[in-house]
């Protein structure tokens, strides 16, 4: 374990905090007049470029190949109340 890893929150807390902060920022950007689809497109681009930098193109391509089934199964669908926790 690296020195940096010792200071990280547990993974489930990291995910919760990251999502909460991203959704708050999303709402702020919406309030500034950016269309939701522009935020989404930019967010996906930023996420994919970061993932590719860390995991490589082949690994990320394999991950996103699974997305259609995961999307259809509702894995990426947030209940409205989850956005405002």
PDB file of N, CA and C in Angstrom:
ATOM      1  N   UNK A   1       0.852  -1.180   0.000  1.00  0.00           N
ATOM      2  CA  UNK A   1       0.000   0.000   0.000  1.00  0.00           C
ATOM      3  C   UNK A   1       0.895   1.239   0.000  1.00  0.00           C
ATOM      4  N   UNK A   2       0.623   2.146  -0.897  1.00  0.00           N
ATOM      5  CA  UNK A   2       1.435   3.362  -0.965  1.00  0.00           C
ATOM      6  C   UNK A   2       1.043   4.319   0.153  1.00  0.00           C
ATOM      7  N   UNK A   3       1.896   5.293   0.386  1.00  0.00           N
ATOM      8  CA  UNK A   3       1.638   6.306   1.410  1.00  0.00           C
ATOM      9  C   UNK A   3       0.336   7.056   1.119  1.00  0.00           C
ATOM     10  N   UNK A   4       0.079   7.323  -0.166  1.00  0.00           N
ATOM     11  CA  UNK A   4      -1.132   8.035  -0.551  1.00  0.00           C
ATOM     12  C   UNK A   4      -2.382   7.191  -0.246  1.00  0.00           C
ATOM     13  N   UNK A   5      -2.307   5.873  -0.493  1.00  0.00           N
ATOM     14  CA  UNK A   5      -3.442   4.991  -0.249  1.00  0.00           C
ATOM     15  C   UNK A   5      -3.843   4.973   1.222  1.00  0.00           C
ATOM     16  N   UNK A   6      -2.888   5.171   2.119  1.00  0.00           N
ATOM     17  CA  UNK A   6      -3.174   5.147   3.548  1.00  0.00           C
ATOM     18  C   UNK A   6      -4.086   6.298   3.963  1.00  0.00           C
ATOM     19  N   UNK A   7      -4.140   7.362   3.186  1.00  0.00           N
ATOM     20  CA  UNK A   7      -4.938   8.542   3.529  1.00  0.00           C
ATOM     21  C   UNK A   7      -6.284   8.581   2.810  1.00  0.00           C
ATOM     22  N   UNK A   8      -6.582   7.559   2.012  1.00  0.00           N
ATOM     23  CA  UNK A   8      -7.833   7.536   1.270  1.00  0.00           C
ATOM     24  C   UNK A   8      -8.976   7.028   2.143  1.00  0.00           C
ATOM     25  N   UNK A   9     -10.153   7.542   1.869  1.00  0.00           N
ATOM     26  CA  UNK A   9     -11.365   7.045   2.512  1.00  0.00           C
ATOM     27  C   UNK A   9     -11.638   5.625   2.024  1.00  0.00           C
ATOM     28  N   UNK A  10     -12.449   4.857   2.752  1.00  0.00           N
ATOM     29  CA  UNK A  10     -12.869   3.556   2.233  1.00  0.00           C
ATOM     30  C   UNK A  10     -13.567   3.747   0.885  1.00  0.00           C
ATOM     31  N   UNK A  11     -13.474   2.749   0.024  1.00  0.00           N
ATOM     32  CA  UNK A  11     -13.972   2.870  -1.354  1.00  0.00           C
ATOM     33  C   UNK A  11     -15.439   3.284  -1.430  1.00  0.00           C
ATOM     34  N   UNK A  12     -16.306   2.704  -0.605  1.00  0.00           N
ATOM     35  CA  UNK A  12     -17.723   3.067  -0.681  1.00  0.00           C
ATOM     36  C   UNK A  12     -17.952   4.525  -0.295  1.00  0.00           C
ATOM     37  N   UNK A  13     -17.182   5.037   0.659  1.00  0.00           N
ATOM     38  CA  UNK A  13     -17.279   6.448   1.029  1.00  0.00           C
ATOM     39  C   UNK A  13     -16.739   7.347  -0.085  1.00  0.00           C
ATOM     40  N   UNK A  14     -15.656   6.917  -0.737  1.00  0.00           N
ATOM     41  CA  UNK A  14     -15.117   7.683  -1.857  1.00  0.00           C
ATOM     42  C   UNK A  14     -16.152   7.812  -2.968  1.00  0.00           C
ATOM     43  N   UNK A  15     -16.813   6.710  -3.293  1.00  0.00           N
ATOM     44  CA  UNK A  15     -17.828   6.718  -4.357  1.00  0.00           C
ATOM     45  C   UNK A  15     -18.983   7.644  -4.005  1.00  0.00           C
ATOM     46  N   UNK A  16     -19.471   7.541  -2.764  1.00  0.00           N
ATOM     47  CA  UNK A  16     -20.596   8.380  -2.327  1.00  0.00           C
ATOM     48  C   UNK A  16     -20.234   9.859  -2.370  1.00  0.00           C
ATOM     49  N   UNK A  17     -19.049  10.194  -1.838  1.00  0.00           N
ATOM     50  CA  UNK A  17     -18.602  11.582  -1.816  1.00  0.00           C
ATOM     51  C   UNK A  17     -18.381  12.118  -3.219  1.00  0.00           C
ATOM     52  N   UNK A  18     -17.722  11.328  -4.051  1.00  0.00           N
ATOM     53  CA  UNK A  18     -17.461  11.766  -5.426  1.00  0.00           C
ATOM     54  C   UNK A  18     -18.763  12.023  -6.175  1.00  0.00           C
ATOM     55  N   UNK A  19     -19.712  11.097  -6.072  1.00  0.00           N
ATOM     56  CA  UNK A  19     -20.988  11.275  -6.770  1.00  0.00           C
ATOM     57  C   UNK A  19     -21.724  12.495  -6.245  1.00  0.00           C
ATOM     58  N   UNK A  20     -21.768  12.659  -4.923  1.00  0.00           N
ATOM     59  CA  UNK A  20     -22.455  13.826  -4.351  1.00  0.00           C
ATOM     60  C   UNK A  20     -21.845  15.122  -4.866  1.00  0.00           C
ATOM     61  N   UNK A  21     -20.521  15.205  -4.888  1.00  0.00           N
ATOM     62  CA  UNK A  21     -19.860  16.439  -5.324  1.00  0.00           C
ATOM     63  C   UNK A  21     -20.052  16.680  -6.818  1.00  0.00           C
ATOM     64  N   UNK A  22     -20.007  15.612  -7.607  1.00  0.00           N
ATOM     65  CA  UNK A  22     -20.225  15.760  -9.051  1.00  0.00           C
ATOM     66  C   UNK A  22     -21.648  16.240  -9.319  1.00  0.00           C
ATOM     67  N   UNK A  23     -22.637  15.679  -8.623  1.00  0.00           N
ATOM     68  CA  UNK A  23     -24.025  16.101  -8.826  1.00  0.00           C
ATOM     69  C   UNK A  23     -24.259  17.540  -8.372  1.00  0.00           C
ATOM     70  N   UNK A  24     -23.592  17.955  -7.299  1.00  0.00           N
ATOM     71  CA  UNK A  24     -23.698  19.350  -6.868  1.00  0.00           C
ATOM     72  C   UNK A  24     -23.109  20.283  -7.925  1.00  0.00           C
ATOM     73  N   UNK A  25     -21.958  19.920  -8.449  1.00  0.00           N
ATOM     74  CA  UNK A  25     -21.325  20.725  -9.492  1.00  0.00           C
ATOM     75  C   UNK A  25     -22.189  20.742 -10.752  1.00  0.00           C
ATOM     76  N   UNK A  26     -22.760  19.588 -11.079  1.00  0.00           N
ATOM     77  CA  UNK A  26     -23.660  19.482 -12.232  1.00  0.00           C
ATOM     78  C   UNK A  26     -24.783  20.500 -12.096  1.00  0.00           C
ATOM     79  N   UNK A  27     -25.411  20.541 -10.918  1.00  0.00           N
ATOM     80  CA  UNK A  27     -26.502  21.494 -10.683  1.00  0.00           C
ATOM     81  C   UNK A  27     -26.020  22.942 -10.811  1.00  0.00           C
ATOM     82  N   UNK A  28     -24.817  23.228 -10.330  1.00  0.00           N
ATOM     83  CA  UNK A  28     -24.246  24.573 -10.447  1.00  0.00           C
ATOM     84  C   UNK A  28     -24.039  24.961 -11.910  1.00  0.00           C
ATOM     85  N   UNK A  29     -23.531  24.025 -12.701  1.00  0.00           N
ATOM     86  CA  UNK A  29     -23.291  24.300 -14.122  1.00  0.00           C
ATOM     87  C   UNK A  29     -24.619  24.489 -14.854  1.00  0.00           C
ATOM     88  N   UNK A  30     -25.628  23.681 -14.509  1.00  0.00           N
ATOM     89  CA  UNK A  30     -26.971  23.879 -15.086  1.00  0.00           C
ATOM     90  C   UNK A  30     -27.473  25.291 -14.795  1.00  0.00           C
ATOM     91  N   UNK A  31     -27.278  25.735 -13.568  1.00  0.00           N
ATOM     92  CA  UNK A  31     -27.744  27.058 -13.153  1.00  0.00           C
ATOM     93  C   UNK A  31     -27.031  28.175 -13.919  1.00  0.00           C
ATOM     94  N   UNK A  32     -25.844  27.889 -14.443  1.00  0.00           N
ATOM     95  CA  UNK A  32     -25.095  28.878 -15.218  1.00  0.00           C
ATOM     96  C   UNK A  32     -25.492  28.869 -16.686  1.00  0.00           C
ATOM     97  N   UNK A  33     -26.437  27.985 -17.072  1.00  0.00           N
ATOM     98  CA  UNK A  33     -26.967  28.009 -18.421  1.00  0.00           C
ATOM     99  C   UNK A  33     -26.408  26.980 -19.379  1.00  0.00           C
ATOM    100  N   UNK A  34     -25.733  25.971 -18.883  1.00  0.00           N
ATOM    101  CA  UNK A  34     -25.212  24.919 -19.757  1.00  0.00           C
ATOM    102  C   UNK A  34     -26.262  23.811 -19.854  1.00  0.00           C
ATOM    103  N   UNK A  35     -26.524  23.345 -21.067  1.00  0.00           N
ATOM    104  CA  UNK A  35     -27.525  22.302 -21.289  1.00  0.00           C
ATOM    105  C   UNK A  35     -27.064  20.979 -20.668  1.00  0.00           C
ATOM    106  N   UNK A  36     -28.007  20.223 -20.094  1.00  0.00           N
ATOM    107  CA  UNK A  36     -27.643  18.965 -19.441  1.00  0.00           C
ATOM    108  C   UNK A  36     -26.891  17.992 -20.353  1.00  0.00           C
ATOM    109  N   UNK A  37     -27.289  17.942 -21.633  1.00  0.00           N
ATOM    110  CA  UNK A  37     -26.603  17.016 -22.543  1.00  0.00           C
ATOM    111  C   UNK A  37     -25.163  17.438 -22.816  1.00  0.00           C
ATOM    112  N   UNK A  38     -24.876  18.738 -22.734  1.00  0.00           N
ATOM    113  CA  UNK A  38     -23.493  19.214 -22.882  1.00  0.00           C
ATOM    114  C   UNK A  38     -22.655  18.835 -21.665  1.00  0.00           C
ATOM    115  N   UNK A  39     -23.253  18.948 -20.480  1.00  0.00           N
ATOM    116  CA  UNK A  39     -22.561  18.547 -19.257  1.00  0.00           C
ATOM    117  C   UNK A  39     -22.297  17.050 -19.300  1.00  0.00           C
ATOM    118  N   UNK A  40     -23.300  16.281 -19.700  1.00  0.00           N
ATOM    119  CA  UNK A  40     -23.155  14.829 -19.755  1.00  0.00           C
ATOM    120  C   UNK A  40     -22.060  14.420 -20.726  1.00  0.00           C
ATOM    121  N   UNK A  41     -22.079  14.982 -21.910  1.00  0.00           N
ATOM    122  CA  UNK A  41     -21.078  14.650 -22.916  1.00  0.00           C
ATOM    123  C   UNK A  41     -19.668  14.995 -22.436  1.00  0.00           C
ATOM    124  N   UNK A  42     -19.526  16.167 -21.854  1.00  0.00           N
ATOM    125  CA  UNK A  42     -18.217  16.589 -21.340  1.00  0.00           C
ATOM    126  C   UNK A  42     -17.767  15.708 -20.182  1.00  0.00           C
ATOM    127  N   UNK A  43     -18.699  15.320 -19.335  1.00  0.00           N
ATOM    128  CA  UNK A  43     -18.381  14.470 -18.187  1.00  0.00           C
ATOM    129  C   UNK A  43     -17.934  13.082 -18.629  1.00  0.00           C
ATOM    130  N   UNK A  44     -18.651  12.516 -19.589  1.00  0.00           N
ATOM    131  CA  UNK A  44     -18.280  11.199 -20.109  1.00  0.00           C
ATOM    132  C   UNK A  44     -16.901  11.269 -20.757  1.00  0.00           C
ATOM    133  N   UNK A  45     -16.660  12.310 -21.537  1.00  0.00           N
ATOM    134  CA  UNK A  45     -15.354  12.475 -22.173  1.00  0.00           C
ATOM    135  C   UNK A  45     -14.247  12.553 -21.121  1.00  0.00           C
ATOM    136  N   UNK A  46     -14.452  13.381 -20.097  1.00  0.00           N
ATOM    137  CA  UNK A  46     -13.441  13.530 -19.048  1.00  0.00           C
ATOM    138  C   UNK A  46     -13.209  12.213 -18.316  1.00  0.00           C
ATOM    139  N   UNK A  47     -14.286  11.507 -18.011  1.00  0.00           N
ATOM    140  CA  UNK A  47     -14.158  10.236 -17.299  1.00  0.00           C
ATOM    141  C   UNK A  47     -13.415   9.201 -18.138  1.00  0.00           C
ATOM    142  N   UNK A  48     -13.779   9.100 -19.404  1.00  0.00           N
ATOM    143  CA  UNK A  48     -13.124   8.113 -20.260  1.00  0.00           C
ATOM    144  C   UNK A  48     -11.647   8.420 -20.465  1.00  0.00           C
ATOM    145  N   UNK A  49     -11.307   9.693 -20.674  1.00  0.00           N
ATOM    146  CA  UNK A  49      -9.892  10.019 -20.875  1.00  0.00           C
ATOM    147  C   UNK A  49      -9.089   9.702 -19.615  1.00  0.00           C
ATOM    148  N   UNK A  50      -9.662   9.952 -18.436  1.00  0.00           N
ATOM    149  CA  UNK A  50      -8.967   9.635 -17.186  1.00  0.00           C
ATOM    150  C   UNK A  50      -8.825   8.122 -17.013  1.00  0.00           C
ATOM    151  N   UNK A  51      -9.895   7.394 -17.284  1.00  0.00           N
ATOM    152  CA  UNK A  51      -9.839   5.936 -17.156  1.00  0.00           C
ATOM    153  C   UNK A  51      -8.828   5.332 -18.125  1.00  0.00           C
ATOM    154  N   UNK A  52      -8.797   5.838 -19.351  1.00  0.00           N
ATOM    155  CA  UNK A  52      -7.839   5.332 -20.332  1.00  0.00           C
ATOM    156  C   UNK A  52      -6.413   5.612 -19.880  1.00  0.00           C
ATOM    157  N   UNK A  53      -6.191   6.773 -19.307  1.00  0.00           N
ATOM    158  CA  UNK A  53      -4.854   7.107 -18.800  1.00  0.00           C
ATOM    159  C   UNK A  53      -4.425   6.112 -17.721  1.00  0.00           C
ATOM    160  N   UNK A  54      -5.360   5.695 -16.866  1.00  0.00           N
ATOM    161  CA  UNK A  54      -5.025   4.802 -15.751  1.00  0.00           C
ATOM    162  C   UNK A  54      -5.039   3.326 -16.126  1.00  0.00           C
ATOM    163  N   UNK A  55      -5.988   2.903 -16.977  1.00  0.00           N
ATOM    164  CA  UNK A  55      -6.183   1.476 -17.253  1.00  0.00           C
ATOM    165  C   UNK A  55      -5.792   1.049 -18.660  1.00  0.00           C
ATOM    166  N   UNK A  56      -5.712   2.000 -19.588  1.00  0.00           N
ATOM    167  CA  UNK A  56      -5.387   1.667 -20.976  1.00  0.00           C
ATOM    168  C   UNK A  56      -6.631   1.520 -21.831  1.00  0.00           C
ATOM    169  N   UNK A  57      -6.432   1.707 -23.123  1.00  0.00           N
ATOM    170  CA  UNK A  57      -7.555   1.711 -24.066  1.00  0.00           C
ATOM    171  C   UNK A  57      -8.289   0.375 -24.127  1.00  0.00           C
ATOM    172  N   UNK A  58      -7.554  -0.736 -24.173  1.00  0.00           N
ATOM    173  CA  UNK A  58      -8.210  -2.039 -24.298  1.00  0.00           C
ATOM    174  C   UNK A  58      -9.091  -2.345 -23.097  1.00  0.00           C
ATOM    175  N   UNK A  59      -8.600  -2.102 -21.904  1.00  0.00           N
ATOM    176  CA  UNK A  59      -9.372  -2.383 -20.691  1.00  0.00           C
ATOM    177  C   UNK A  59     -10.631  -1.528 -20.639  1.00  0.00           C
ATOM    178  N   UNK A  60     -10.501  -0.247 -20.959  1.00  0.00           N
ATOM    179  CA  UNK A  60     -11.665   0.648 -20.927  1.00  0.00           C
ATOM    180  C   UNK A  60     -12.649   0.260 -22.019  1.00  0.00           C
ATOM    181  N   UNK A  61     -12.153  -0.110 -23.191  1.00  0.00           N
ATOM    182  CA  UNK A  61     -13.050  -0.550 -24.268  1.00  0.00           C
ATOM    183  C   UNK A  61     -13.849  -1.776 -23.831  1.00  0.00           C
ATOM    184  N   UNK A  62     -13.217  -2.697 -23.120  1.00  0.00           N
ATOM    185  CA  UNK A  62     -13.931  -3.871 -22.614  1.00  0.00           C
ATOM    186  C   UNK A  62     -14.978  -3.461 -21.574  1.00  0.00           C
ATOM    187  N   UNK A  63     -14.642  -2.493 -20.721  1.00  0.00           N
ATOM    188  CA  UNK A  63     -15.600  -2.019 -19.713  1.00  0.00           C
ATOM    189  C   UNK A  63     -16.836  -1.427 -20.370  1.00  0.00           C
ATOM    190  N   UNK A  64     -16.631  -0.540 -21.333  1.00  0.00           N
ATOM    191  CA  UNK A  64     -17.779   0.145 -21.924  1.00  0.00           C
ATOM    192  C   UNK A  64     -18.574  -0.766 -22.847  1.00  0.00           C
ATOM    193  N   UNK A  65     -17.979  -1.869 -23.291  1.00  0.00           N
ATOM    194  CA  UNK A  65     -18.721  -2.828 -24.107  1.00  0.00           C
ATOM    195  C   UNK A  65     -19.866  -3.445 -23.304  1.00  0.00           C
ATOM    196  N   UNK A  66     -19.737  -3.438 -21.979  1.00  0.00           N
ATOM    197  CA  UNK A  66     -20.772  -3.987 -21.098  1.00  0.00           C
ATOM    198  C   UNK A  66     -21.866  -2.967 -20.779  1.00  0.00           C
ATOM    199  N   UNK A  67     -21.675  -1.718 -21.128  1.00  0.00           N
ATOM    200  CA  UNK A  67     -22.606  -0.660 -20.747  1.00  0.00           C
ATOM    201  C   UNK A  67     -24.029  -0.841 -21.258  1.00  0.00           C
ATOM    202  N   UNK A  68     -24.250  -1.268 -22.510  1.00  0.00           N
ATOM    203  CA  UNK A  68     -25.651  -1.358 -22.959  1.00  0.00           C
ATOM    204  C   UNK A  68     -26.520  -2.208 -22.043  1.00  0.00           C
ATOM    205  N   UNK A  69     -26.036  -3.391 -21.652  1.00  0.00           N
ATOM    206  CA  UNK A  69     -26.832  -4.241 -20.755  1.00  0.00           C
ATOM    207  C   UNK A  69     -26.998  -3.602 -19.387  1.00  0.00           C
ATOM    208  N   UNK A  70     -25.950  -2.987 -18.871  1.00  0.00           N
ATOM    209  CA  UNK A  70     -26.021  -2.345 -17.561  1.00  0.00           C
ATOM    210  C   UNK A  70     -26.996  -1.168 -17.589  1.00  0.00           C
ATOM    211  N   UNK A  71     -26.997  -0.415 -18.680  1.00  0.00           N
ATOM    212  CA  UNK A  71     -27.923   0.716 -18.823  1.00  0.00           C
ATOM    213  C   UNK A  71     -29.358   0.195 -18.868  1.00  0.00           C
ATOM    214  N   UNK A  72     -29.579  -0.833 -19.690  1.00  0.00           N
ATOM    215  CA  UNK A  72     -30.932  -1.401 -19.805  1.00  0.00           C
ATOM    216  C   UNK A  72     -31.427  -1.996 -18.487  1.00  0.00           C
ATOM    217  N   UNK A  73     -30.511  -2.450 -17.653  1.00  0.00           N
ATOM    218  CA  UNK A  73     -30.878  -3.023 -16.354  1.00  0.00           C
ATOM    219  C   UNK A  73     -31.066  -1.957 -15.279  1.00  0.00           C
ATOM    220  N   UNK A  74     -30.918  -0.681 -15.635  1.00  0.00           N
ATOM    221  CA  UNK A  74     -31.181   0.411 -14.710  1.00  0.00           C
ATOM    222  C   UNK A  74     -30.036   0.756 -13.774  1.00  0.00           C
ATOM    223  N   UNK A  75     -28.849   0.204 -14.028  1.00  0.00           N
ATOM    224  CA  UNK A  75     -27.726   0.442 -13.129  1.00  0.00           C
ATOM    225  C   UNK A  75     -27.313   1.910 -13.060  1.00  0.00           C
ATOM    226  N   UNK A  76     -27.560   2.671 -14.110  1.00  0.00           N
ATOM    227  CA  UNK A  76     -27.162   4.073 -14.147  1.00  0.00           C
ATOM    228  C   UNK A  76     -28.340   5.023 -13.958  1.00  0.00           C
ATOM    229  N   UNK A  77     -29.491   4.487 -13.590  1.00  0.00           N
ATOM    230  CA  UNK A  77     -30.683   5.289 -13.378  1.00  0.00           C
ATOM    231  C   UNK A  77     -30.780   5.641 -11.902  1.00  0.00           C
ATOM    232  N   UNK A  78     -30.721   6.944 -11.611  1.00  0.00           N
ATOM    233  CA  UNK A  78     -30.828   7.400 -10.229  1.00  0.00           C
ATOM    234  C   UNK A  78     -32.258   7.822  -9.931  1.00  0.00           C
ATOM    235  N   UNK A  79     -32.714   7.427  -8.776  1.00  0.00           N
ATOM    236  CA  UNK A  79     -34.010   7.923  -8.325  1.00  0.00           C
ATOM    237  C   UNK A  79     -33.842   9.412  -8.035  1.00  0.00           C
ATOM    238  N   UNK A  80     -34.865  10.199  -8.248  1.00  0.00           N
ATOM    239  CA  UNK A  80     -34.784  11.656  -8.054  1.00  0.00           C
ATOM    240  C   UNK A  80     -34.304  11.995  -6.643  1.00  0.00           C
ATOM    241  N   UNK A  81     -34.748  11.237  -5.626  1.00  0.00           N
ATOM    242  CA  UNK A  81     -34.343  11.550  -4.271  1.00  0.00           C
ATOM    243  C   UNK A  81     -32.858  11.290  -4.025  1.00  0.00           C
ATOM    244  N   UNK A  82     -32.228  10.411  -4.801  1.00  0.00           N
ATOM    245  CA  UNK A  82     -30.795  10.145  -4.642  1.00  0.00           C
ATOM    246  C   UNK A  82     -29.959  11.342  -5.060  1.00  0.00           C
ATOM    247  N   UNK A  83     -30.469  12.169  -5.964  1.00  0.00           N
ATOM    248  CA  UNK A  83     -29.729  13.348  -6.420  1.00  0.00           C
ATOM    249  C   UNK A  83     -29.653  14.409  -5.320  1.00  0.00           C
ATOM    250  N   UNK A  84     -30.530  14.329  -4.334  1.00  0.00           N
ATOM    251  CA  UNK A  84     -30.602  15.403  -3.344  1.00  0.00           C
ATOM    252  C   UNK A  84     -30.304  14.923  -1.922  1.00  0.00           C
ATOM    253  N   UNK A  85     -29.548  13.835  -1.788  1.00  0.00           N
ATOM    254  CA  UNK A  85     -29.186  13.353  -0.453  1.00  0.00           C
ATOM    255  C   UNK A  85     -28.193  14.271   0.201  1.00  0.00           C
TER     256      UNK A  85
END
